[in-house]
N, C-alpha and C. Protein backbone atom coordinates (compact mmCIF):
# COMPACT_ATOMS: atom_id res chain seq x y z
N ALA A 1 -52.20 -48.94 -16.87
CA ALA A 1 -51.91 -49.34 -18.23
C ALA A 1 -52.98 -48.78 -19.14
N SER A 2 -52.61 -48.30 -20.32
CA SER A 2 -53.59 -47.77 -21.27
C SER A 2 -53.98 -48.86 -22.25
N HIS A 3 -55.20 -48.73 -22.75
CA HIS A 3 -55.71 -49.69 -23.72
C HIS A 3 -56.00 -48.98 -25.01
N ASP A 4 -55.65 -49.59 -26.11
CA ASP A 4 -55.93 -49.04 -27.43
C ASP A 4 -57.31 -49.50 -27.87
N PRO A 5 -58.30 -48.58 -28.04
CA PRO A 5 -59.65 -48.98 -28.44
C PRO A 5 -59.67 -49.78 -29.74
N ALA A 6 -58.72 -49.52 -30.63
CA ALA A 6 -58.70 -50.25 -31.90
C ALA A 6 -58.44 -51.74 -31.69
N GLY A 7 -57.93 -52.09 -30.52
CA GLY A 7 -57.69 -53.50 -30.22
C GLY A 7 -58.97 -54.31 -30.15
N TYR A 8 -60.14 -53.63 -30.04
CA TYR A 8 -61.42 -54.32 -29.98
C TYR A 8 -62.07 -54.46 -31.35
N ASN A 9 -61.45 -53.92 -32.39
CA ASN A 9 -62.02 -54.01 -33.73
C ASN A 9 -62.27 -55.47 -34.11
N GLY A 10 -63.43 -55.72 -34.73
CA GLY A 10 -63.77 -57.07 -35.15
C GLY A 10 -64.31 -57.94 -34.03
N GLN A 11 -64.50 -57.38 -32.84
CA GLN A 11 -65.00 -58.14 -31.70
C GLN A 11 -66.31 -57.54 -31.21
N GLY A 12 -66.96 -58.27 -30.32
CA GLY A 12 -68.12 -57.73 -29.63
C GLY A 12 -67.68 -57.01 -28.37
N VAL A 13 -68.34 -55.91 -28.05
CA VAL A 13 -68.04 -55.16 -26.83
C VAL A 13 -69.33 -54.97 -26.05
N SER A 14 -69.21 -54.54 -24.83
CA SER A 14 -70.41 -54.30 -24.01
C SER A 14 -70.37 -52.90 -23.44
N PHE A 15 -71.54 -52.44 -22.97
CA PHE A 15 -71.64 -51.11 -22.40
C PHE A 15 -72.53 -51.15 -21.16
N MET A 16 -72.42 -50.12 -20.34
CA MET A 16 -73.27 -49.94 -19.17
C MET A 16 -73.81 -48.52 -19.21
N PRO A 17 -75.15 -48.34 -19.18
CA PRO A 17 -75.69 -46.98 -19.21
C PRO A 17 -75.17 -46.12 -18.05
N ARG A 18 -75.05 -44.85 -18.29
CA ARG A 18 -74.55 -43.94 -17.25
C ARG A 18 -75.56 -43.79 -16.11
N HIS A 19 -76.84 -43.68 -16.44
CA HIS A 19 -77.88 -43.52 -15.42
C HIS A 19 -78.81 -44.73 -15.44
N ILE A 20 -78.88 -45.43 -14.35
CA ILE A 20 -79.73 -46.62 -14.26
C ILE A 20 -80.86 -46.31 -13.30
N PRO A 21 -82.10 -46.25 -13.81
CA PRO A 21 -83.22 -45.94 -12.91
C PRO A 21 -83.55 -47.12 -11.99
N VAL A 22 -84.23 -46.81 -10.93
CA VAL A 22 -84.71 -47.85 -10.02
C VAL A 22 -86.03 -48.37 -10.58
N GLY A 23 -86.13 -49.67 -10.75
CA GLY A 23 -87.38 -50.26 -11.24
C GLY A 23 -88.50 -50.04 -10.24
N LYS A 24 -89.71 -49.88 -10.77
CA LYS A 24 -90.87 -49.63 -9.89
C LYS A 24 -91.98 -50.62 -10.22
N ASN A 25 -92.73 -50.98 -9.22
CA ASN A 25 -93.87 -51.86 -9.40
C ASN A 25 -95.03 -51.32 -8.56
N TYR A 26 -96.08 -50.87 -9.24
CA TYR A 26 -97.26 -50.35 -8.55
C TYR A 26 -98.33 -51.43 -8.57
N GLN A 27 -98.93 -51.68 -7.42
CA GLN A 27 -99.98 -52.70 -7.30
C GLN A 27 -101.20 -52.09 -6.67
N TRP A 28 -102.38 -52.50 -7.15
CA TRP A 28 -103.62 -52.03 -6.56
C TRP A 28 -104.68 -53.11 -6.70
N SER A 29 -105.66 -53.06 -5.81
CA SER A 29 -106.74 -54.04 -5.85
C SER A 29 -107.98 -53.47 -5.18
N LEU A 30 -109.11 -54.05 -5.54
CA LEU A 30 -110.39 -53.68 -4.96
C LEU A 30 -111.21 -54.96 -4.91
N GLY A 31 -111.74 -55.28 -3.74
CA GLY A 31 -112.49 -56.53 -3.61
C GLY A 31 -113.69 -56.38 -2.71
N ILE A 32 -114.65 -57.28 -2.90
CA ILE A 32 -115.82 -57.35 -2.02
C ILE A 32 -115.98 -58.81 -1.58
N GLN A 33 -116.44 -58.97 -0.34
CA GLN A 33 -116.66 -60.30 0.23
C GLN A 33 -118.08 -60.41 0.74
N ARG A 34 -118.56 -61.65 0.73
CA ARG A 34 -119.89 -61.92 1.28
C ARG A 34 -119.89 -63.33 1.84
N GLU A 35 -120.46 -63.49 3.04
CA GLU A 35 -120.59 -64.82 3.63
C GLU A 35 -121.99 -65.34 3.31
N ILE A 36 -122.03 -66.54 2.75
CA ILE A 36 -123.29 -67.18 2.37
C ILE A 36 -123.28 -68.60 2.89
N GLY A 37 -124.12 -68.90 3.88
CA GLY A 37 -124.26 -70.26 4.39
C GLY A 37 -122.97 -70.93 4.80
N GLY A 38 -122.11 -70.26 5.54
CA GLY A 38 -120.86 -70.86 6.00
C GLY A 38 -119.74 -70.80 4.96
N MET A 39 -119.99 -70.20 3.82
CA MET A 39 -118.97 -70.04 2.78
C MET A 39 -118.71 -68.55 2.56
N VAL A 40 -117.49 -68.21 2.22
CA VAL A 40 -117.13 -66.83 1.93
C VAL A 40 -116.84 -66.73 0.44
N VAL A 41 -117.54 -65.81 -0.23
CA VAL A 41 -117.34 -65.55 -1.65
C VAL A 41 -116.67 -64.18 -1.78
N GLU A 42 -115.63 -64.11 -2.58
CA GLU A 42 -114.93 -62.84 -2.79
C GLU A 42 -114.74 -62.61 -4.29
N VAL A 43 -114.99 -61.40 -4.73
CA VAL A 43 -114.72 -60.98 -6.10
C VAL A 43 -113.77 -59.78 -6.01
N ALA A 44 -112.67 -59.83 -6.75
CA ALA A 44 -111.68 -58.76 -6.65
C ALA A 44 -111.11 -58.40 -8.02
N TYR A 45 -110.76 -57.12 -8.15
CA TYR A 45 -109.98 -56.63 -9.29
C TYR A 45 -108.56 -56.43 -8.77
N VAL A 46 -107.57 -57.07 -9.41
CA VAL A 46 -106.18 -56.99 -8.98
C VAL A 46 -105.34 -56.59 -10.19
N ALA A 47 -104.44 -55.61 -9.99
CA ALA A 47 -103.64 -55.13 -11.13
C ALA A 47 -102.27 -54.67 -10.65
N ASN A 48 -101.34 -54.56 -11.60
CA ASN A 48 -100.06 -53.93 -11.30
C ASN A 48 -99.44 -53.37 -12.58
N HIS A 49 -98.53 -52.44 -12.39
CA HIS A 49 -97.80 -51.81 -13.48
C HIS A 49 -96.34 -51.74 -13.08
N GLY A 50 -95.47 -52.31 -13.90
CA GLY A 50 -94.03 -52.24 -13.66
C GLY A 50 -93.38 -51.30 -14.65
N SER A 51 -92.39 -50.54 -14.20
CA SER A 51 -91.66 -49.63 -15.10
C SER A 51 -90.19 -49.61 -14.69
N GLY A 52 -89.35 -49.16 -15.61
CA GLY A 52 -87.91 -49.13 -15.34
C GLY A 52 -87.32 -50.53 -15.26
N LEU A 53 -87.92 -51.47 -16.01
CA LEU A 53 -87.47 -52.86 -15.94
C LEU A 53 -86.31 -53.09 -16.91
N PRO A 54 -85.32 -53.92 -16.52
CA PRO A 54 -84.13 -54.11 -17.36
C PRO A 54 -84.35 -55.16 -18.45
N TYR A 55 -83.61 -55.02 -19.54
CA TYR A 55 -83.60 -56.03 -20.60
C TYR A 55 -82.33 -55.83 -21.43
N PRO A 56 -81.80 -56.92 -22.01
CA PRO A 56 -80.57 -56.83 -22.80
C PRO A 56 -80.84 -56.37 -24.23
N VAL A 57 -79.91 -55.60 -24.76
CA VAL A 57 -80.01 -55.09 -26.14
C VAL A 57 -78.66 -55.27 -26.84
N ASP A 58 -78.72 -55.24 -28.15
CA ASP A 58 -77.53 -55.15 -28.99
C ASP A 58 -77.72 -53.92 -29.86
N ILE A 59 -77.06 -52.81 -29.49
CA ILE A 59 -77.26 -51.56 -30.23
C ILE A 59 -76.48 -51.54 -31.54
N ASN A 60 -75.84 -52.64 -31.88
CA ASN A 60 -75.14 -52.74 -33.16
C ASN A 60 -75.86 -53.71 -34.09
N GLN A 61 -77.18 -53.87 -33.89
CA GLN A 61 -77.96 -54.71 -34.79
C GLN A 61 -77.98 -54.09 -36.18
N ILE A 62 -78.19 -54.96 -37.16
CA ILE A 62 -78.37 -54.46 -38.52
C ILE A 62 -79.75 -53.82 -38.58
N PRO A 63 -79.87 -52.58 -39.07
CA PRO A 63 -81.19 -51.95 -39.17
C PRO A 63 -82.12 -52.78 -40.05
N GLN A 64 -83.39 -52.73 -39.75
CA GLN A 64 -84.39 -53.54 -40.44
C GLN A 64 -84.35 -53.31 -41.96
N ALA A 65 -84.14 -52.08 -42.39
CA ALA A 65 -84.12 -51.78 -43.82
C ALA A 65 -82.92 -52.41 -44.53
N SER A 66 -81.90 -52.82 -43.78
CA SER A 66 -80.69 -53.39 -44.37
C SER A 66 -80.61 -54.90 -44.25
N LEU A 67 -81.63 -55.53 -43.69
CA LEU A 67 -81.61 -56.99 -43.54
C LEU A 67 -81.52 -57.64 -44.90
N GLY A 68 -80.68 -58.64 -45.02
CA GLY A 68 -80.52 -59.38 -46.27
C GLY A 68 -79.44 -58.84 -47.18
N LEU A 69 -78.91 -57.64 -46.87
CA LEU A 69 -77.85 -57.06 -47.70
C LEU A 69 -76.50 -57.62 -47.27
N LEU A 70 -75.60 -57.78 -48.24
CA LEU A 70 -74.28 -58.33 -47.96
C LEU A 70 -73.21 -57.33 -48.39
N PRO A 71 -72.08 -57.30 -47.77
CA PRO A 71 -71.71 -58.04 -46.57
C PRO A 71 -72.38 -57.43 -45.33
N VAL A 72 -72.83 -58.28 -44.45
CA VAL A 72 -73.63 -57.90 -43.28
C VAL A 72 -72.91 -56.85 -42.43
N GLN A 73 -71.65 -57.04 -42.19
CA GLN A 73 -70.91 -56.18 -41.26
C GLN A 73 -70.93 -54.72 -41.71
N ASN A 74 -70.98 -54.46 -43.00
CA ASN A 74 -70.96 -53.08 -43.50
C ASN A 74 -72.22 -52.30 -43.12
N TYR A 75 -73.31 -52.98 -42.78
CA TYR A 75 -74.57 -52.30 -42.52
C TYR A 75 -74.86 -52.12 -41.02
N ARG A 76 -73.93 -52.52 -40.19
CA ARG A 76 -74.10 -52.26 -38.75
C ARG A 76 -73.81 -50.79 -38.47
N PRO A 77 -74.48 -50.18 -37.45
CA PRO A 77 -74.20 -48.77 -37.12
C PRO A 77 -72.73 -48.51 -36.80
N PHE A 78 -72.07 -49.48 -36.16
CA PHE A 78 -70.64 -49.37 -35.83
C PHE A 78 -69.95 -50.59 -36.44
N PRO A 79 -69.59 -50.53 -37.73
CA PRO A 79 -69.11 -51.73 -38.43
C PRO A 79 -67.78 -52.29 -37.92
N GLN A 80 -67.07 -51.53 -37.10
CA GLN A 80 -65.82 -52.06 -36.57
C GLN A 80 -66.05 -53.11 -35.48
N PHE A 81 -67.29 -53.21 -34.95
CA PHE A 81 -67.61 -54.19 -33.91
C PHE A 81 -68.67 -55.17 -34.42
N THR A 82 -68.64 -56.40 -33.90
CA THR A 82 -69.68 -57.36 -34.27
C THR A 82 -70.96 -57.10 -33.49
N SER A 83 -70.85 -56.83 -32.21
CA SER A 83 -72.03 -56.50 -31.40
C SER A 83 -71.62 -55.51 -30.32
N ILE A 84 -72.60 -54.76 -29.86
CA ILE A 84 -72.40 -53.86 -28.72
C ILE A 84 -73.56 -54.15 -27.78
N SER A 85 -73.31 -54.95 -26.78
CA SER A 85 -74.39 -55.42 -25.92
C SER A 85 -74.34 -54.77 -24.55
N GLY A 86 -75.52 -54.64 -23.98
CA GLY A 86 -75.67 -54.08 -22.64
C GLY A 86 -77.12 -54.17 -22.23
N ASN A 87 -77.50 -53.38 -21.26
CA ASN A 87 -78.87 -53.38 -20.77
C ASN A 87 -79.46 -51.99 -20.82
N TYR A 88 -80.73 -51.91 -21.23
CA TYR A 88 -81.52 -50.71 -21.07
C TYR A 88 -82.50 -50.96 -19.92
N PHE A 89 -83.06 -49.89 -19.39
CA PHE A 89 -83.89 -50.01 -18.20
C PHE A 89 -85.20 -49.24 -18.36
N ASP A 90 -85.83 -49.39 -19.52
CA ASP A 90 -87.09 -48.68 -19.72
C ASP A 90 -88.22 -49.61 -20.19
N ALA A 91 -88.10 -50.90 -19.92
CA ALA A 91 -89.20 -51.82 -20.24
C ALA A 91 -90.32 -51.63 -19.22
N TYR A 92 -91.54 -52.02 -19.58
CA TYR A 92 -92.68 -51.86 -18.69
C TYR A 92 -93.65 -53.02 -18.88
N SER A 93 -94.51 -53.22 -17.90
CA SER A 93 -95.49 -54.30 -17.95
C SER A 93 -96.79 -53.84 -17.31
N ASN A 94 -97.89 -54.48 -17.71
CA ASN A 94 -99.22 -54.20 -17.16
C ASN A 94 -99.97 -55.51 -16.96
N TYR A 95 -100.63 -55.62 -15.82
CA TYR A 95 -101.40 -56.82 -15.50
C TYR A 95 -102.75 -56.39 -14.92
N HIS A 96 -103.83 -56.97 -15.44
CA HIS A 96 -105.17 -56.70 -14.93
C HIS A 96 -105.89 -58.03 -14.79
N SER A 97 -106.64 -58.20 -13.71
CA SER A 97 -107.34 -59.47 -13.51
C SER A 97 -108.61 -59.30 -12.69
N MET A 98 -109.54 -60.24 -12.93
CA MET A 98 -110.70 -60.42 -12.06
C MET A 98 -110.48 -61.76 -11.36
N GLN A 99 -110.60 -61.76 -10.05
CA GLN A 99 -110.37 -62.97 -9.27
C GLN A 99 -111.60 -63.27 -8.42
N VAL A 100 -112.09 -64.51 -8.54
CA VAL A 100 -113.26 -64.93 -7.79
C VAL A 100 -112.83 -66.11 -6.93
N SER A 101 -113.12 -66.04 -5.63
CA SER A 101 -112.76 -67.15 -4.74
C SER A 101 -113.95 -67.58 -3.89
N LEU A 102 -113.93 -68.85 -3.54
CA LEU A 102 -114.95 -69.46 -2.70
C LEU A 102 -114.24 -70.28 -1.64
N ARG A 103 -114.51 -69.97 -0.36
CA ARG A 103 -113.87 -70.68 0.75
C ARG A 103 -114.93 -71.18 1.72
N LYS A 104 -114.82 -72.45 2.06
CA LYS A 104 -115.67 -73.03 3.11
C LYS A 104 -114.73 -73.52 4.20
N ARG A 105 -114.88 -72.95 5.39
CA ARG A 105 -114.05 -73.36 6.52
C ARG A 105 -114.34 -74.80 6.89
N PHE A 106 -113.37 -75.43 7.54
CA PHE A 106 -113.50 -76.84 7.90
C PHE A 106 -114.65 -77.01 8.89
N ALA A 107 -115.67 -77.74 8.48
CA ALA A 107 -116.83 -78.02 9.33
C ALA A 107 -117.48 -79.30 8.82
N HIS A 108 -117.97 -80.12 9.75
CA HIS A 108 -118.62 -81.39 9.40
C HIS A 108 -117.69 -82.25 8.53
N GLY A 109 -116.40 -82.18 8.80
CA GLY A 109 -115.44 -83.04 8.11
C GLY A 109 -115.10 -82.62 6.69
N PHE A 110 -115.37 -81.36 6.32
CA PHE A 110 -115.15 -80.96 4.93
C PHE A 110 -114.72 -79.49 4.86
N SER A 111 -113.76 -79.20 3.99
CA SER A 111 -113.40 -77.81 3.70
C SER A 111 -113.08 -77.68 2.20
N LEU A 112 -113.25 -76.46 1.69
CA LEU A 112 -113.04 -76.19 0.27
C LEU A 112 -112.45 -74.80 0.13
N ASP A 113 -111.47 -74.67 -0.74
CA ASP A 113 -110.89 -73.37 -1.06
C ASP A 113 -110.58 -73.38 -2.55
N THR A 114 -111.27 -72.56 -3.33
CA THR A 114 -111.07 -72.57 -4.77
C THR A 114 -111.12 -71.14 -5.31
N ASN A 115 -110.42 -70.90 -6.40
CA ASN A 115 -110.48 -69.58 -7.02
C ASN A 115 -110.30 -69.67 -8.53
N TYR A 116 -110.88 -68.69 -9.19
CA TYR A 116 -110.81 -68.57 -10.64
C TYR A 116 -110.24 -67.19 -10.97
N VAL A 117 -109.30 -67.15 -11.93
CA VAL A 117 -108.67 -65.89 -12.32
C VAL A 117 -108.81 -65.71 -13.83
N TRP A 118 -109.31 -64.55 -14.21
CA TRP A 118 -109.40 -64.14 -15.62
C TRP A 118 -108.52 -62.91 -15.75
N SER A 119 -107.48 -62.98 -16.59
CA SER A 119 -106.48 -61.91 -16.57
C SER A 119 -105.84 -61.69 -17.94
N LYS A 120 -105.08 -60.59 -18.00
CA LYS A 120 -104.28 -60.29 -19.19
C LYS A 120 -103.00 -59.61 -18.72
N MET A 121 -101.87 -60.09 -19.25
CA MET A 121 -100.58 -59.47 -18.92
C MET A 121 -99.90 -59.05 -20.21
N LEU A 122 -99.53 -57.78 -20.27
CA LEU A 122 -98.82 -57.22 -21.42
C LEU A 122 -97.46 -56.71 -20.94
N SER A 123 -96.45 -56.82 -21.80
CA SER A 123 -95.14 -56.30 -21.42
C SER A 123 -94.34 -55.96 -22.67
N SER A 124 -93.35 -55.09 -22.49
CA SER A 124 -92.47 -54.76 -23.61
C SER A 124 -91.28 -55.69 -23.64
N TYR A 125 -91.02 -56.41 -22.56
CA TYR A 125 -89.96 -57.42 -22.54
C TYR A 125 -90.21 -58.37 -21.39
N ASP A 126 -90.07 -59.66 -21.64
CA ASP A 126 -90.19 -60.68 -20.59
C ASP A 126 -88.81 -61.18 -20.23
N SER A 127 -88.59 -61.38 -18.96
CA SER A 127 -87.33 -62.00 -18.54
C SER A 127 -87.56 -62.78 -17.27
N SER A 128 -86.82 -63.85 -17.13
CA SER A 128 -86.85 -64.62 -15.89
C SER A 128 -85.57 -65.42 -15.82
N GLY A 129 -85.13 -65.67 -14.62
CA GLY A 129 -83.90 -66.45 -14.46
C GLY A 129 -84.14 -67.94 -14.47
N TRP A 130 -85.38 -68.35 -14.49
CA TRP A 130 -85.69 -69.78 -14.43
C TRP A 130 -87.09 -69.99 -15.01
N GLY A 131 -87.47 -71.24 -15.20
CA GLY A 131 -88.84 -71.56 -15.60
C GLY A 131 -89.09 -71.62 -17.08
N SER A 132 -88.11 -71.36 -17.92
CA SER A 132 -88.18 -71.48 -19.38
C SER A 132 -89.29 -70.65 -20.02
N ARG A 133 -89.76 -69.58 -19.36
CA ARG A 133 -90.79 -68.74 -19.96
C ARG A 133 -90.24 -67.35 -20.29
N ASN A 134 -88.92 -67.24 -20.40
CA ASN A 134 -88.33 -65.91 -20.54
C ASN A 134 -88.35 -65.36 -21.95
N GLY A 135 -88.66 -66.16 -22.96
CA GLY A 135 -88.71 -65.64 -24.33
C GLY A 135 -87.33 -65.33 -24.87
N THR A 136 -87.26 -64.46 -25.87
CA THR A 136 -85.99 -64.09 -26.51
C THR A 136 -85.12 -63.34 -25.52
N ASN A 137 -83.84 -63.69 -25.45
CA ASN A 137 -82.98 -63.07 -24.45
C ASN A 137 -82.57 -61.65 -24.80
N THR A 138 -82.38 -61.33 -26.08
CA THR A 138 -82.08 -59.95 -26.48
C THR A 138 -83.29 -59.41 -27.23
N ILE A 139 -83.66 -58.18 -26.93
CA ILE A 139 -84.85 -57.60 -27.55
C ILE A 139 -84.71 -57.64 -29.08
N GLN A 140 -85.80 -57.88 -29.77
CA GLN A 140 -85.74 -58.12 -31.21
C GLN A 140 -85.32 -56.90 -32.01
N ASN A 141 -85.76 -55.71 -31.63
CA ASN A 141 -85.43 -54.52 -32.39
C ASN A 141 -84.95 -53.42 -31.45
N SER A 142 -83.65 -53.28 -31.34
CA SER A 142 -83.07 -52.29 -30.42
C SER A 142 -83.32 -50.86 -30.85
N PHE A 143 -83.73 -50.64 -32.12
CA PHE A 143 -83.98 -49.29 -32.63
C PHE A 143 -85.42 -48.84 -32.37
N ASP A 144 -86.32 -49.78 -32.10
CA ASP A 144 -87.72 -49.47 -31.79
C ASP A 144 -88.15 -50.41 -30.66
N ARG A 145 -87.68 -50.09 -29.47
CA ARG A 145 -87.84 -51.01 -28.35
C ARG A 145 -89.29 -51.21 -27.95
N ASN A 146 -90.15 -50.22 -28.15
CA ASN A 146 -91.56 -50.36 -27.78
C ASN A 146 -92.34 -51.23 -28.76
N SER A 147 -91.74 -51.59 -29.89
CA SER A 147 -92.45 -52.42 -30.87
C SER A 147 -92.70 -53.83 -30.35
N SER A 148 -92.02 -54.23 -29.29
CA SER A 148 -92.22 -55.58 -28.75
C SER A 148 -93.31 -55.63 -27.68
N TYR A 149 -93.98 -54.50 -27.40
CA TYR A 149 -95.03 -54.50 -26.38
C TYR A 149 -96.22 -55.33 -26.88
N GLY A 150 -96.61 -56.29 -26.09
CA GLY A 150 -97.73 -57.17 -26.45
C GLY A 150 -97.95 -58.20 -25.37
N LEU A 151 -98.67 -59.26 -25.70
CA LEU A 151 -98.95 -60.31 -24.72
C LEU A 151 -97.64 -60.87 -24.18
N SER A 152 -97.57 -60.99 -22.89
CA SER A 152 -96.39 -61.51 -22.22
C SER A 152 -96.31 -63.03 -22.35
N ASN A 153 -95.08 -63.55 -22.31
CA ASN A 153 -94.91 -65.00 -22.22
C ASN A 153 -95.52 -65.55 -20.93
N PHE A 154 -95.68 -64.68 -19.94
CA PHE A 154 -96.24 -65.10 -18.66
C PHE A 154 -97.76 -64.99 -18.63
N ASP A 155 -98.38 -64.55 -19.71
CA ASP A 155 -99.83 -64.37 -19.75
C ASP A 155 -100.54 -65.72 -19.69
N ILE A 156 -101.35 -65.90 -18.67
CA ILE A 156 -102.22 -67.07 -18.55
C ILE A 156 -103.62 -66.51 -18.41
N PRO A 157 -104.41 -66.46 -19.51
CA PRO A 157 -105.68 -65.74 -19.50
C PRO A 157 -106.70 -66.27 -18.49
N GLN A 158 -106.70 -67.57 -18.25
CA GLN A 158 -107.66 -68.13 -17.30
C GLN A 158 -106.99 -69.23 -16.49
N SER A 159 -107.32 -69.31 -15.23
CA SER A 159 -106.86 -70.44 -14.41
C SER A 159 -107.87 -70.69 -13.29
N TRP A 160 -107.98 -71.94 -12.95
CA TRP A 160 -108.87 -72.36 -11.86
C TRP A 160 -108.09 -73.32 -11.00
N LYS A 161 -108.05 -73.07 -9.71
CA LYS A 161 -107.30 -73.94 -8.81
C LYS A 161 -107.98 -73.99 -7.46
N GLY A 162 -107.61 -74.98 -6.69
CA GLY A 162 -108.21 -75.08 -5.37
C GLY A 162 -107.75 -76.31 -4.61
N SER A 163 -108.31 -76.45 -3.43
CA SER A 163 -108.02 -77.61 -2.59
C SER A 163 -109.29 -78.03 -1.86
N VAL A 164 -109.36 -79.34 -1.60
CA VAL A 164 -110.49 -79.93 -0.89
C VAL A 164 -109.92 -80.83 0.20
N VAL A 165 -110.49 -80.77 1.39
CA VAL A 165 -110.11 -81.67 2.49
C VAL A 165 -111.37 -82.35 2.99
N TYR A 166 -111.30 -83.67 3.12
CA TYR A 166 -112.44 -84.46 3.61
C TYR A 166 -111.95 -85.38 4.71
N GLU A 167 -112.57 -85.27 5.88
CA GLU A 167 -112.20 -86.13 7.00
C GLU A 167 -113.00 -87.41 6.92
N LEU A 168 -112.31 -88.54 6.87
CA LEU A 168 -112.99 -89.83 6.76
C LEU A 168 -113.84 -90.09 8.00
N PRO A 169 -115.03 -90.69 7.83
CA PRO A 169 -115.97 -90.84 8.95
C PRO A 169 -115.71 -92.08 9.81
N PHE A 170 -114.43 -92.37 10.10
CA PHE A 170 -114.07 -93.53 10.90
C PHE A 170 -113.44 -93.08 12.21
N GLY A 171 -113.70 -93.80 13.29
CA GLY A 171 -113.05 -93.56 14.56
C GLY A 171 -113.97 -92.96 15.60
N LYS A 172 -113.41 -92.69 16.76
CA LYS A 172 -114.15 -92.21 17.91
C LYS A 172 -114.89 -90.90 17.59
N GLY A 173 -116.18 -90.88 17.89
CA GLY A 173 -116.99 -89.70 17.66
C GLY A 173 -117.48 -89.57 16.22
N LYS A 174 -117.17 -90.54 15.37
CA LYS A 174 -117.58 -90.47 13.96
C LYS A 174 -118.72 -91.45 13.70
N GLN A 175 -119.21 -91.47 12.46
CA GLN A 175 -120.35 -92.32 12.11
C GLN A 175 -120.00 -93.80 12.12
N LEU A 176 -118.79 -94.16 11.72
CA LEU A 176 -118.40 -95.56 11.60
C LEU A 176 -117.26 -95.89 12.55
N LEU A 177 -117.28 -97.08 13.12
CA LEU A 177 -116.24 -97.55 14.03
C LEU A 177 -115.99 -96.56 15.17
N ALA A 178 -117.07 -96.14 15.81
CA ALA A 178 -117.01 -95.07 16.81
C ALA A 178 -116.64 -95.55 18.21
N GLN A 179 -116.39 -96.84 18.40
CA GLN A 179 -116.18 -97.35 19.76
C GLN A 179 -114.80 -97.05 20.35
N GLY A 180 -113.85 -96.57 19.62
CA GLY A 180 -112.54 -96.24 20.16
C GLY A 180 -111.64 -97.46 20.21
N GLY A 181 -110.62 -97.44 21.07
CA GLY A 181 -109.73 -98.57 21.24
C GLY A 181 -108.69 -98.66 20.13
N ILE A 182 -108.18 -99.88 19.93
CA ILE A 182 -107.10 -100.12 18.97
C ILE A 182 -107.54 -99.82 17.54
N LEU A 183 -108.82 -100.14 17.23
CA LEU A 183 -109.34 -99.87 15.89
C LEU A 183 -109.37 -98.36 15.61
N ASN A 184 -109.73 -97.60 16.62
CA ASN A 184 -109.73 -96.14 16.48
C ASN A 184 -108.32 -95.62 16.21
N ALA A 185 -107.32 -96.22 16.90
CA ALA A 185 -105.93 -95.79 16.72
C ALA A 185 -105.44 -96.06 15.29
N ILE A 186 -106.00 -97.08 14.66
CA ILE A 186 -105.55 -97.44 13.31
C ILE A 186 -106.28 -96.64 12.23
N VAL A 187 -107.60 -96.54 12.33
CA VAL A 187 -108.37 -95.93 11.23
C VAL A 187 -108.96 -94.58 11.57
N GLY A 188 -108.90 -94.14 12.81
CA GLY A 188 -109.50 -92.85 13.20
C GLY A 188 -108.64 -91.66 12.85
N GLY A 189 -109.28 -90.53 12.56
CA GLY A 189 -108.58 -89.26 12.37
C GLY A 189 -107.92 -89.06 11.02
N TRP A 190 -108.21 -89.91 10.06
CA TRP A 190 -107.60 -89.76 8.73
C TRP A 190 -108.37 -88.75 7.89
N GLN A 191 -107.63 -88.02 7.05
CA GLN A 191 -108.24 -87.06 6.12
C GLN A 191 -107.72 -87.35 4.70
N VAL A 192 -108.55 -87.06 3.75
CA VAL A 192 -108.15 -87.16 2.34
C VAL A 192 -108.19 -85.74 1.79
N SER A 193 -107.14 -85.35 1.07
CA SER A 193 -107.12 -84.00 0.51
C SER A 193 -106.66 -84.04 -0.94
N SER A 194 -107.02 -83.02 -1.67
CA SER A 194 -106.65 -82.95 -3.07
C SER A 194 -106.39 -81.50 -3.45
N LEU A 195 -105.39 -81.29 -4.28
CA LEU A 195 -105.10 -79.99 -4.89
C LEU A 195 -105.36 -80.12 -6.36
N PHE A 196 -105.92 -79.10 -6.99
CA PHE A 196 -106.14 -79.17 -8.43
C PHE A 196 -105.86 -77.82 -9.06
N ILE A 197 -105.46 -77.88 -10.31
CA ILE A 197 -105.24 -76.66 -11.08
C ILE A 197 -105.61 -76.94 -12.53
N TYR A 198 -106.30 -76.00 -13.13
CA TYR A 198 -106.69 -76.14 -14.53
C TYR A 198 -106.44 -74.83 -15.24
């Protein structure tokens, strides 16, 4: 069956690019470690660059110079349609960070694992299927797509997180209530742990 293109006049239509590149993500890192008194300290530079990333566009947006003029429809590049939506695949992102971690293996009833990250993430378009951090769903200016390159919605410049485990000093072989038996079965071998993020 044939379709008359004029039948779409006054409606929104969609398109699919002829050539869709494969998205790429390059990652690299450099780190140094040192053991100090039963603890391991690590300092690392971690980065990545993404390219060929997809994002939705409306190529029938009103050009910036025509914003506010009426009637609106007359100033669209293709005035017979309300929108022409699809995806482009040339968005890119950059991430750079310094990461410092401190780990103490479990010994004498105590362990610690903590890290601090100082970073910056830039992108020309943010998208995610979940988590409410995706930003605007259609790029703001389809005629100058690189104008949206800047701090990402996912940029978290600093974060500190970690975990602590402490074995309570009760039960057989411990400082308190070390005699074993029924009391050991009730209070021995317990640990307290905590996760934190800031």
